[in-house]
Amino acid sequence: MDIKQLVNSITPEVYANLKYSIEIGKWPDGKVMSEEQKALSIQAIIAYEAILPAEQRSGYVPPKNTPCAPEGAEHRPLTWKN
């Protein structure tokens, strides 16, 4: 099975189960995931999320619409007090 077939075979339910299993380190039946299983599951999730819109992917941070500091604010470097 190639990666495209794998991604196409992942259902939203399987995707949710994989994410949850990685979060808790156990499969839905309670068995502990091995490090190899975790790594492969993470790779499957990343491949699956590549077909999702960006805002539905793990770790998505929406773009900031406003600057961090108000326009015209004075920038002062940090100073250390001894």
Protein backbone atom coordinates (compact mmCIF):
# COMPACT_ATOMS: atom_id res chain seq x y z
CA MET A 1 0.00 0.00 0.00
CA ASP A 2 1.44 3.38 -0.94
CA ILE A 3 0.95 6.60 1.01
CA LYS A 4 -1.93 7.82 -1.17
CA GLN A 5 -3.85 4.60 -0.60
CA LEU A 6 -3.15 4.80 3.12
CA VAL A 7 -4.39 8.39 3.37
CA ASN A 8 -7.50 7.57 1.34
CA SER A 9 -8.28 4.63 3.63
CA ILE A 10 -8.22 6.78 6.79
CA THR A 11 -11.73 7.75 7.85
CA PRO A 12 -12.46 10.70 10.14
CA GLU A 13 -13.15 8.18 12.93
CA VAL A 14 -9.79 6.43 12.43
CA TYR A 15 -8.08 9.84 12.33
CA ALA A 16 -9.70 10.86 15.63
CA ASN A 17 -8.74 7.52 17.22
CA LEU A 18 -5.12 7.87 16.08
CA LYS A 19 -4.88 11.41 17.48
CA TYR A 20 -6.38 10.38 20.81
CA SER A 21 -4.19 7.28 21.03
CA ILE A 22 -1.06 9.38 20.52
CA GLU A 23 -2.23 11.87 23.16
CA ILE A 24 -2.70 9.22 25.84
CA GLY A 25 -0.08 6.74 24.60
CA LYS A 26 -2.54 3.87 24.42
CA TRP A 27 -4.73 2.22 21.82
CA PRO A 28 -8.52 2.34 22.30
CA ASP A 29 -8.36 -1.19 23.78
CA GLY A 30 -5.97 0.05 26.49
CA LYS A 31 -2.75 -1.49 25.17
CA VAL A 32 0.29 0.78 25.40
CA MET A 33 1.60 2.10 22.07
CA SER A 34 5.22 1.33 21.23
CA GLU A 35 7.51 4.16 20.15
CA GLU A 36 7.42 2.79 16.59
CA GLN A 37 3.60 2.73 16.62
CA LYS A 38 3.52 6.32 17.86
CA ALA A 39 5.95 7.44 15.16
CA LEU A 40 4.01 5.70 12.39
CA SER A 41 0.70 7.05 13.71
CA ILE A 42 2.09 10.59 13.74
CA GLN A 43 3.28 10.16 10.16
CA ALA A 44 -0.19 8.92 9.14
CA ILE A 45 -1.84 11.91 10.83
CA ILE A 46 0.49 14.37 9.11
CA ALA A 47 -0.17 12.76 5.73
CA TYR A 48 -3.94 12.79 6.34
CA GLU A 49 -3.92 16.42 7.49
CA ALA A 50 -2.14 17.46 4.30
CA ILE A 51 -5.46 17.02 2.48
CA LEU A 52 -7.41 19.04 5.07
CA PRO A 53 -7.83 22.82 4.98
CA ALA A 54 -5.06 24.52 6.96
CA GLU A 55 -7.39 25.65 9.76
CA GLN A 56 -8.35 22.02 10.50
CA ARG A 57 -4.76 20.77 10.92
CA SER A 58 -3.06 20.07 14.25
CA GLY A 59 -1.17 23.05 15.56
CA TYR A 60 -2.88 25.59 13.30
CA VAL A 61 -2.53 29.16 14.52
CA PRO A 62 -4.69 31.70 12.70
CA PRO A 63 -2.91 34.73 11.26
CA LYS A 64 -2.82 37.77 13.47
CA ASN A 65 -4.87 40.65 12.10
CA THR A 66 -3.36 43.37 14.27
CA PRO A 67 0.24 44.24 15.06
CA CYS A 68 1.69 43.26 18.42
CA ALA A 69 2.21 46.87 19.50
CA PRO A 70 0.12 49.89 18.58
CA GLU A 71 1.45 51.87 15.66
CA GLY A 72 3.78 54.60 16.76
CA ALA A 73 4.57 52.91 20.08
CA GLU A 74 8.07 53.51 21.30
CA HIS A 75 10.36 50.50 21.11
CA ARG A 76 12.63 50.25 24.12
CA PRO A 77 15.22 47.54 24.46
CA LEU A 78 15.22 45.43 27.59
CA THR A 79 17.63 46.49 30.28
CA TRP A 80 18.91 44.34 33.12
CA LYS A 81 19.14 45.62 36.66
CA ASN A 82 21.92 44.18 38.83
